[in-house]
């Protein structure tokens, strides 16, 4: 479904945790990182498409999130010709996107990259809101910057005064009042298990000797 200018309607998702960190997903079998996104099907509203993509790509349901804001207008990017299928060249130009800012109301354990048979990501992590755009494929970077800039004013205030940690007997990790674990900020695979940080030599670990 293309518009008259050759852009396909699409949604993008910026998912926040309680610390205003964002879900940052590594595309399947690549070194490229991005936010969840996907096309709007015929008859869907942008919000309906966003909720569908949210489940398909990260396994969350509507009750797991709260919608904080969305971009006012479409944000567009063009796809370089060598990324376009030959049968679509000449009439397909790229994507036009409505971006949503969501707050995770559930837990990290609710995230599931294998919710469908066609996963988009093979690892994920919580990242600072201003993500490293050099890790995003080049033709999407400007739209990411525009979406982050527009939605930044809707970021919730984080209450640092009442933070405390308690033990979670189920996970064995320290957990704060939002149900977020200390392991949350680390890289995790599609099963939600922590991955080792990059840059450690063979045999090294994060545990003190």
C-alpha atoms as a PDB file:
ATOM      1  CA  UNK A   1       0.000   0.000   0.000  1.00  0.00           C
ATOM      2  CA  UNK A   2       1.808   3.091  -1.300  1.00  0.00           C
ATOM      3  CA  UNK A   3       0.751   6.715  -1.319  1.00  0.00           C
ATOM      4  CA  UNK A   4       0.853   8.815  -4.465  1.00  0.00           C
ATOM      5  CA  UNK A   5       4.481   9.748  -3.845  1.00  0.00           C
ATOM      6  CA  UNK A   6       5.627   6.150  -3.453  1.00  0.00           C
ATOM      7  CA  UNK A   7       5.920   5.988   0.332  1.00  0.00           C
ATOM      8  CA  UNK A   8       4.588   3.054   2.345  1.00  0.00           C
ATOM      9  CA  UNK A   9       2.759   3.939   5.617  1.00  0.00           C
ATOM     10  CA  UNK A  10       4.661   2.657   8.608  1.00  0.00           C
ATOM     11  CA  UNK A  11       4.924   3.017  12.398  1.00  0.00           C
ATOM     12  CA  UNK A  12       7.981   3.337  14.626  1.00  0.00           C
ATOM     13  CA  UNK A  13       8.120   2.540  18.341  1.00  0.00           C
ATOM     14  CA  UNK A  14      10.250   4.112  21.062  1.00  0.00           C
ATOM     15  CA  UNK A  15       9.722   1.979  24.166  1.00  0.00           C
ATOM     16  CA  UNK A  16      10.832   3.398  27.533  1.00  0.00           C
ATOM     17  CA  UNK A  17      11.570   1.657  30.793  1.00  0.00           C
ATOM     18  CA  UNK A  18      11.210   3.299  34.224  1.00  0.00           C
ATOM     19  CA  UNK A  19      14.599   4.994  33.851  1.00  0.00           C
ATOM     20  CA  UNK A  20      13.691   6.536  30.480  1.00  0.00           C
ATOM     21  CA  UNK A  21      16.031   4.138  28.733  1.00  0.00           C
ATOM     22  CA  UNK A  22      14.856   2.873  25.359  1.00  0.00           C
ATOM     23  CA  UNK A  23      14.514  -0.601  23.893  1.00  0.00           C
ATOM     24  CA  UNK A  24      17.339  -1.038  21.413  1.00  0.00           C
ATOM     25  CA  UNK A  25      17.145  -4.137  19.196  1.00  0.00           C
ATOM     26  CA  UNK A  26      19.850  -5.809  17.103  1.00  0.00           C
ATOM     27  CA  UNK A  27      18.504  -6.841  13.737  1.00  0.00           C
ATOM     28  CA  UNK A  28      18.570 -10.560  13.078  1.00  0.00           C
ATOM     29  CA  UNK A  29      22.011 -11.764  11.945  1.00  0.00           C
ATOM     30  CA  UNK A  30      23.384  -8.237  11.404  1.00  0.00           C
ATOM     31  CA  UNK A  31      25.378  -5.642  13.340  1.00  0.00           C
ATOM     32  CA  UNK A  32      22.662  -3.024  12.809  1.00  0.00           C
ATOM     33  CA  UNK A  33      20.521  -1.741  15.701  1.00  0.00           C
ATOM     34  CA  UNK A  34      17.122  -0.088  15.535  1.00  0.00           C
ATOM     35  CA  UNK A  35      13.765   0.576  17.174  1.00  0.00           C
ATOM     36  CA  UNK A  36      10.798  -1.688  16.423  1.00  0.00           C
ATOM     37  CA  UNK A  37       8.884  -0.629  13.320  1.00  0.00           C
ATOM     38  CA  UNK A  38       6.540  -2.067  10.726  1.00  0.00           C
ATOM     39  CA  UNK A  39       4.031  -1.392   7.984  1.00  0.00           C
ATOM     40  CA  UNK A  40       0.425  -0.306   8.395  1.00  0.00           C
ATOM     41  CA  UNK A  41      -1.947  -2.802   6.825  1.00  0.00           C
ATOM     42  CA  UNK A  42      -5.014  -1.802   4.835  1.00  0.00           C
ATOM     43  CA  UNK A  43      -7.811  -0.767   7.201  1.00  0.00           C
ATOM     44  CA  UNK A  44      -5.528  -0.321  10.219  1.00  0.00           C
ATOM     45  CA  UNK A  45      -5.071   2.915  12.115  1.00  0.00           C
ATOM     46  CA  UNK A  46      -1.486   3.842  13.066  1.00  0.00           C
ATOM     47  CA  UNK A  47      -2.234   2.915  16.693  1.00  0.00           C
ATOM     48  CA  UNK A  48      -3.632  -0.494  15.714  1.00  0.00           C
ATOM     49  CA  UNK A  49      -0.582  -1.157  13.550  1.00  0.00           C
ATOM     50  CA  UNK A  50       1.732  -0.093  16.374  1.00  0.00           C
ATOM     51  CA  UNK A  51       0.129  -2.504  18.855  1.00  0.00           C
ATOM     52  CA  UNK A  52       0.298  -5.349  16.344  1.00  0.00           C
ATOM     53  CA  UNK A  53       3.949  -4.675  15.558  1.00  0.00           C
ATOM     54  CA  UNK A  54       4.722  -4.327  19.258  1.00  0.00           C
ATOM     55  CA  UNK A  55       3.561  -7.886  19.815  1.00  0.00           C
ATOM     56  CA  UNK A  56       5.082  -9.326  16.646  1.00  0.00           C
ATOM     57  CA  UNK A  57       8.530  -7.826  17.210  1.00  0.00           C
ATOM     58  CA  UNK A  58       8.948  -7.719  20.998  1.00  0.00           C
ATOM     59  CA  UNK A  59       6.116  -9.891  22.343  1.00  0.00           C
ATOM     60  CA  UNK A  60       4.257  -7.202  24.311  1.00  0.00           C
ATOM     61  CA  UNK A  61       0.483  -6.799  24.600  1.00  0.00           C
ATOM     62  CA  UNK A  62      -1.516  -3.553  25.065  1.00  0.00           C
ATOM     63  CA  UNK A  63      -1.704  -4.058  28.822  1.00  0.00           C
ATOM     64  CA  UNK A  64       2.098  -4.046  29.023  1.00  0.00           C
ATOM     65  CA  UNK A  65       2.471  -0.450  27.790  1.00  0.00           C
ATOM     66  CA  UNK A  66       1.085   3.057  28.101  1.00  0.00           C
ATOM     67  CA  UNK A  67       1.055   5.407  25.107  1.00  0.00           C
ATOM     68  CA  UNK A  68       2.701   8.701  26.058  1.00  0.00           C
ATOM     69  CA  UNK A  69       2.796  10.530  22.719  1.00  0.00           C
ATOM     70  CA  UNK A  70       3.054  10.245  18.952  1.00  0.00           C
ATOM     71  CA  UNK A  71       4.548  12.417  16.244  1.00  0.00           C
ATOM     72  CA  UNK A  72       2.189  15.020  14.807  1.00  0.00           C
ATOM     73  CA  UNK A  73       2.956  14.293  11.143  1.00  0.00           C
ATOM     74  CA  UNK A  74       4.490  11.644   8.944  1.00  0.00           C
ATOM     75  CA  UNK A  75       8.289  11.404   8.967  1.00  0.00           C
ATOM     76  CA  UNK A  76       9.721  10.131   5.680  1.00  0.00           C
ATOM     77  CA  UNK A  77      12.880   8.416   4.559  1.00  0.00           C
ATOM     78  CA  UNK A  78      13.871   7.238   1.101  1.00  0.00           C
ATOM     79  CA  UNK A  79      15.364   3.794   0.575  1.00  0.00           C
ATOM     80  CA  UNK A  80      18.450   3.621  -1.686  1.00  0.00           C
ATOM     81  CA  UNK A  81      17.697   1.906  -4.964  1.00  0.00           C
ATOM     82  CA  UNK A  82      20.039  -1.028  -4.346  1.00  0.00           C
ATOM     83  CA  UNK A  83      17.907  -1.970  -1.298  1.00  0.00           C
ATOM     84  CA  UNK A  84      14.681  -1.998  -3.342  1.00  0.00           C
ATOM     85  CA  UNK A  85      13.425  -5.123  -5.075  1.00  0.00           C
ATOM     86  CA  UNK A  86      13.720  -4.885  -8.850  1.00  0.00           C
ATOM     87  CA  UNK A  87       9.965  -5.265  -9.338  1.00  0.00           C
ATOM     88  CA  UNK A  88       9.322  -2.276  -7.011  1.00  0.00           C
ATOM     89  CA  UNK A  89      11.840   0.116  -8.498  1.00  0.00           C
ATOM     90  CA  UNK A  90      10.360   3.144 -10.176  1.00  0.00           C
ATOM     91  CA  UNK A  91       7.294   3.402  -7.944  1.00  0.00           C
ATOM     92  CA  UNK A  92       8.473   2.575  -4.390  1.00  0.00           C
ATOM     93  CA  UNK A  93      10.530   5.355  -2.740  1.00  0.00           C
ATOM     94  CA  UNK A  94      10.564   4.548   0.967  1.00  0.00           C
ATOM     95  CA  UNK A  95       8.620   4.763   4.219  1.00  0.00           C
ATOM     96  CA  UNK A  96       6.496   7.428   5.863  1.00  0.00           C
ATOM     97  CA  UNK A  97       6.199   6.863   9.595  1.00  0.00           C
ATOM     98  CA  UNK A  98       4.165   7.845  12.626  1.00  0.00           C
ATOM     99  CA  UNK A  99       6.314   7.376  15.718  1.00  0.00           C
ATOM    100  CA  UNK A 100       4.922   6.395  19.129  1.00  0.00           C
ATOM    101  CA  UNK A 101       6.510   6.910  22.534  1.00  0.00           C
ATOM    102  CA  UNK A 102       5.510   4.123  24.947  1.00  0.00           C
ATOM    103  CA  UNK A 103       6.174   3.416  28.616  1.00  0.00           C
ATOM    104  CA  UNK A 104       6.707  -0.218  29.617  1.00  0.00           C
ATOM    105  CA  UNK A 105       4.267  -0.971  32.426  1.00  0.00           C
ATOM    106  CA  UNK A 106       5.208  -4.640  32.630  1.00  0.00           C
ATOM    107  CA  UNK A 107       8.567  -6.272  33.334  1.00  0.00           C
ATOM    108  CA  UNK A 108      11.604  -7.103  31.263  1.00  0.00           C
ATOM    109  CA  UNK A 109      10.504 -10.736  31.357  1.00  0.00           C
ATOM    110  CA  UNK A 110       7.394  -9.800  29.328  1.00  0.00           C
ATOM    111  CA  UNK A 111       9.597  -9.030  26.324  1.00  0.00           C
ATOM    112  CA  UNK A 112       9.813 -11.913  23.868  1.00  0.00           C
ATOM    113  CA  UNK A 113      11.723 -11.638  20.588  1.00  0.00           C
ATOM    114  CA  UNK A 114      10.364 -15.048  19.535  1.00  0.00           C
ATOM    115  CA  UNK A 115       6.683 -14.175  19.762  1.00  0.00           C
ATOM    116  CA  UNK A 116       6.275 -15.055  16.063  1.00  0.00           C
ATOM    117  CA  UNK A 117       7.962 -17.382  13.587  1.00  0.00           C
ATOM    118  CA  UNK A 118       9.563 -14.402  11.844  1.00  0.00           C
ATOM    119  CA  UNK A 119      11.651 -12.550  14.468  1.00  0.00           C
ATOM    120  CA  UNK A 120      13.161  -9.157  13.629  1.00  0.00           C
ATOM    121  CA  UNK A 121      15.779  -9.074  16.405  1.00  0.00           C
ATOM    122  CA  UNK A 122      18.195 -11.584  17.899  1.00  0.00           C
ATOM    123  CA  UNK A 123      19.316  -9.458  20.887  1.00  0.00           C
ATOM    124  CA  UNK A 124      18.262  -6.337  22.745  1.00  0.00           C
ATOM    125  CA  UNK A 125      19.291  -3.964  25.505  1.00  0.00           C
ATOM    126  CA  UNK A 126      18.143  -0.845  27.343  1.00  0.00           C
ATOM    127  CA  UNK A 127      20.010   2.167  26.003  1.00  0.00           C
ATOM    128  CA  UNK A 128      20.130   5.849  26.890  1.00  0.00           C
ATOM    129  CA  UNK A 129      17.373   7.817  25.153  1.00  0.00           C
ATOM    130  CA  UNK A 130      19.779   9.498  22.725  1.00  0.00           C
ATOM    131  CA  UNK A 131      20.788   6.320  20.939  1.00  0.00           C
ATOM    132  CA  UNK A 132      24.057   6.060  18.964  1.00  0.00           C
ATOM    133  CA  UNK A 133      22.799   6.868  15.483  1.00  0.00           C
ATOM    134  CA  UNK A 134      25.977   5.553  13.864  1.00  0.00           C
ATOM    135  CA  UNK A 135      24.634   2.057  14.629  1.00  0.00           C
ATOM    136  CA  UNK A 136      21.470   2.781  12.605  1.00  0.00           C
ATOM    137  CA  UNK A 137      21.513   2.152   8.875  1.00  0.00           C
ATOM    138  CA  UNK A 138      22.427   5.476   7.285  1.00  0.00           C
ATOM    139  CA  UNK A 139      19.237   6.295   5.370  1.00  0.00           C
ATOM    140  CA  UNK A 140      17.119   6.044   8.560  1.00  0.00           C
ATOM    141  CA  UNK A 141      19.267   8.270  10.783  1.00  0.00           C
ATOM    142  CA  UNK A 142      17.595  11.602  10.035  1.00  0.00           C
ATOM    143  CA  UNK A 143      14.114  10.225  10.794  1.00  0.00           C
ATOM    144  CA  UNK A 144      15.390   8.767  14.073  1.00  0.00           C
ATOM    145  CA  UNK A 145      16.801  12.140  15.044  1.00  0.00           C
ATOM    146  CA  UNK A 146      13.552  13.913  14.144  1.00  0.00           C
ATOM    147  CA  UNK A 147      11.419  11.430  16.108  1.00  0.00           C
ATOM    148  CA  UNK A 148      13.655  11.533  19.192  1.00  0.00           C
ATOM    149  CA  UNK A 149      13.739  15.329  19.146  1.00  0.00           C
ATOM    150  CA  UNK A 150       9.966  15.705  18.790  1.00  0.00           C
ATOM    151  CA  UNK A 151       9.075  13.155  21.467  1.00  0.00           C
ATOM    152  CA  UNK A 152      11.749  14.086  24.027  1.00  0.00           C
ATOM    153  CA  UNK A 153       9.490  16.675  25.687  1.00  0.00           C
ATOM    154  CA  UNK A 154       7.071  13.888  26.656  1.00  0.00           C
ATOM    155  CA  UNK A 155       9.634  11.912  28.655  1.00  0.00           C
ATOM    156  CA  UNK A 156       8.295  11.235  32.174  1.00  0.00           C
ATOM    157  CA  UNK A 157      10.180  12.615  35.128  1.00  0.00           C
ATOM    158  CA  UNK A 158      12.206   9.929  36.865  1.00  0.00           C
ATOM    159  CA  UNK A 159      11.922  10.012  40.649  1.00  0.00           C
ATOM    160  CA  UNK A 160      15.394   9.346  41.974  1.00  0.00           C
ATOM    161  CA  UNK A 161      14.586  10.077  45.640  1.00  0.00           C
ATOM    162  CA  UNK A 162      12.563   6.956  46.386  1.00  0.00           C
ATOM    163  CA  UNK A 163      14.760   4.440  44.625  1.00  0.00           C
ATOM    164  CA  UNK A 164      15.497   1.289  46.578  1.00  0.00           C
ATOM    165  CA  UNK A 165      16.556  -2.251  45.753  1.00  0.00           C
ATOM    166  CA  UNK A 166      15.049  -5.452  46.934  1.00  0.00           C
ATOM    167  CA  UNK A 167      15.920  -9.044  46.218  1.00  0.00           C
ATOM    168  CA  UNK A 168      13.813 -10.889  43.689  1.00  0.00           C
ATOM    169  CA  UNK A 169      13.699 -14.550  44.746  1.00  0.00           C
ATOM    170  CA  UNK A 170      12.457 -15.606  41.318  1.00  0.00           C
ATOM    171  CA  UNK A 171      15.324 -14.115  39.305  1.00  0.00           C
ATOM    172  CA  UNK A 172      18.063 -13.802  41.884  1.00  0.00           C
ATOM    173  CA  UNK A 173      18.697 -10.217  40.707  1.00  0.00           C
ATOM    174  CA  UNK A 174      18.324  -7.038  42.698  1.00  0.00           C
ATOM    175  CA  UNK A 175      15.129  -5.298  41.647  1.00  0.00           C
ATOM    176  CA  UNK A 176      13.953  -1.706  42.066  1.00  0.00           C
ATOM    177  CA  UNK A 177      10.459  -0.371  42.806  1.00  0.00           C
ATOM    178  CA  UNK A 178       9.525  -0.532  39.127  1.00  0.00           C
ATOM    179  CA  UNK A 179      10.352  -4.228  38.820  1.00  0.00           C
ATOM    180  CA  UNK A 180      13.448  -3.483  36.732  1.00  0.00           C
ATOM    181  CA  UNK A 181      16.517  -5.564  37.505  1.00  0.00           C
ATOM    182  CA  UNK A 182      20.111  -4.467  37.635  1.00  0.00           C
ATOM    183  CA  UNK A 183      20.698  -6.767  34.692  1.00  0.00           C
ATOM    184  CA  UNK A 184      18.189  -4.782  32.634  1.00  0.00           C
ATOM    185  CA  UNK A 185      20.733  -2.335  31.273  1.00  0.00           C
ATOM    186  CA  UNK A 186      22.842  -5.118  29.776  1.00  0.00           C
ATOM    187  CA  UNK A 187      22.589  -6.801  26.395  1.00  0.00           C
ATOM    188  CA  UNK A 188      20.052  -9.618  26.308  1.00  0.00           C
ATOM    189  CA  UNK A 189      19.283 -12.293  23.768  1.00  0.00           C
ATOM    190  CA  UNK A 190      15.930 -13.307  22.316  1.00  0.00           C
ATOM    191  CA  UNK A 191      15.211 -15.415  25.390  1.00  0.00           C
ATOM    192  CA  UNK A 192      15.820 -12.518  27.787  1.00  0.00           C
ATOM    193  CA  UNK A 193      19.112 -13.954  29.037  1.00  0.00           C
ATOM    194  CA  UNK A 194      22.020 -11.519  29.659  1.00  0.00           C
ATOM    195  CA  UNK A 195      24.789 -11.620  27.060  1.00  0.00           C
ATOM    196  CA  UNK A 196      28.432 -10.969  27.993  1.00  0.00           C
ATOM    197  CA  UNK A 197      29.612  -7.402  27.367  1.00  0.00           C
ATOM    198  CA  UNK A 198      31.793  -6.695  24.368  1.00  0.00           C
ATOM    199  CA  UNK A 199      35.441  -6.015  24.860  1.00  0.00           C
ATOM    200  CA  UNK A 200      36.242  -8.500  27.660  1.00  0.00           C
ATOM    201  CA  UNK A 201      39.174 -10.809  26.929  1.00  0.00           C
ATOM    202  CA  UNK A 202      38.684 -14.559  26.793  1.00  0.00           C
ATOM    203  CA  UNK A 203      38.165 -15.996  30.254  1.00  0.00           C
ATOM    204  CA  UNK A 204      37.329 -12.621  31.814  1.00  0.00           C
ATOM    205  CA  UNK A 205      34.072 -11.838  33.563  1.00  0.00           C
ATOM    206  CA  UNK A 206      32.308  -8.947  35.251  1.00  0.00           C
ATOM    207  CA  UNK A 207      32.582 -10.629  38.659  1.00  0.00           C
ATOM    208  CA  UNK A 208      35.318  -9.337  40.992  1.00  0.00           C
ATOM    209  CA  UNK A 209      38.017 -11.802  41.862  1.00  0.00           C
END
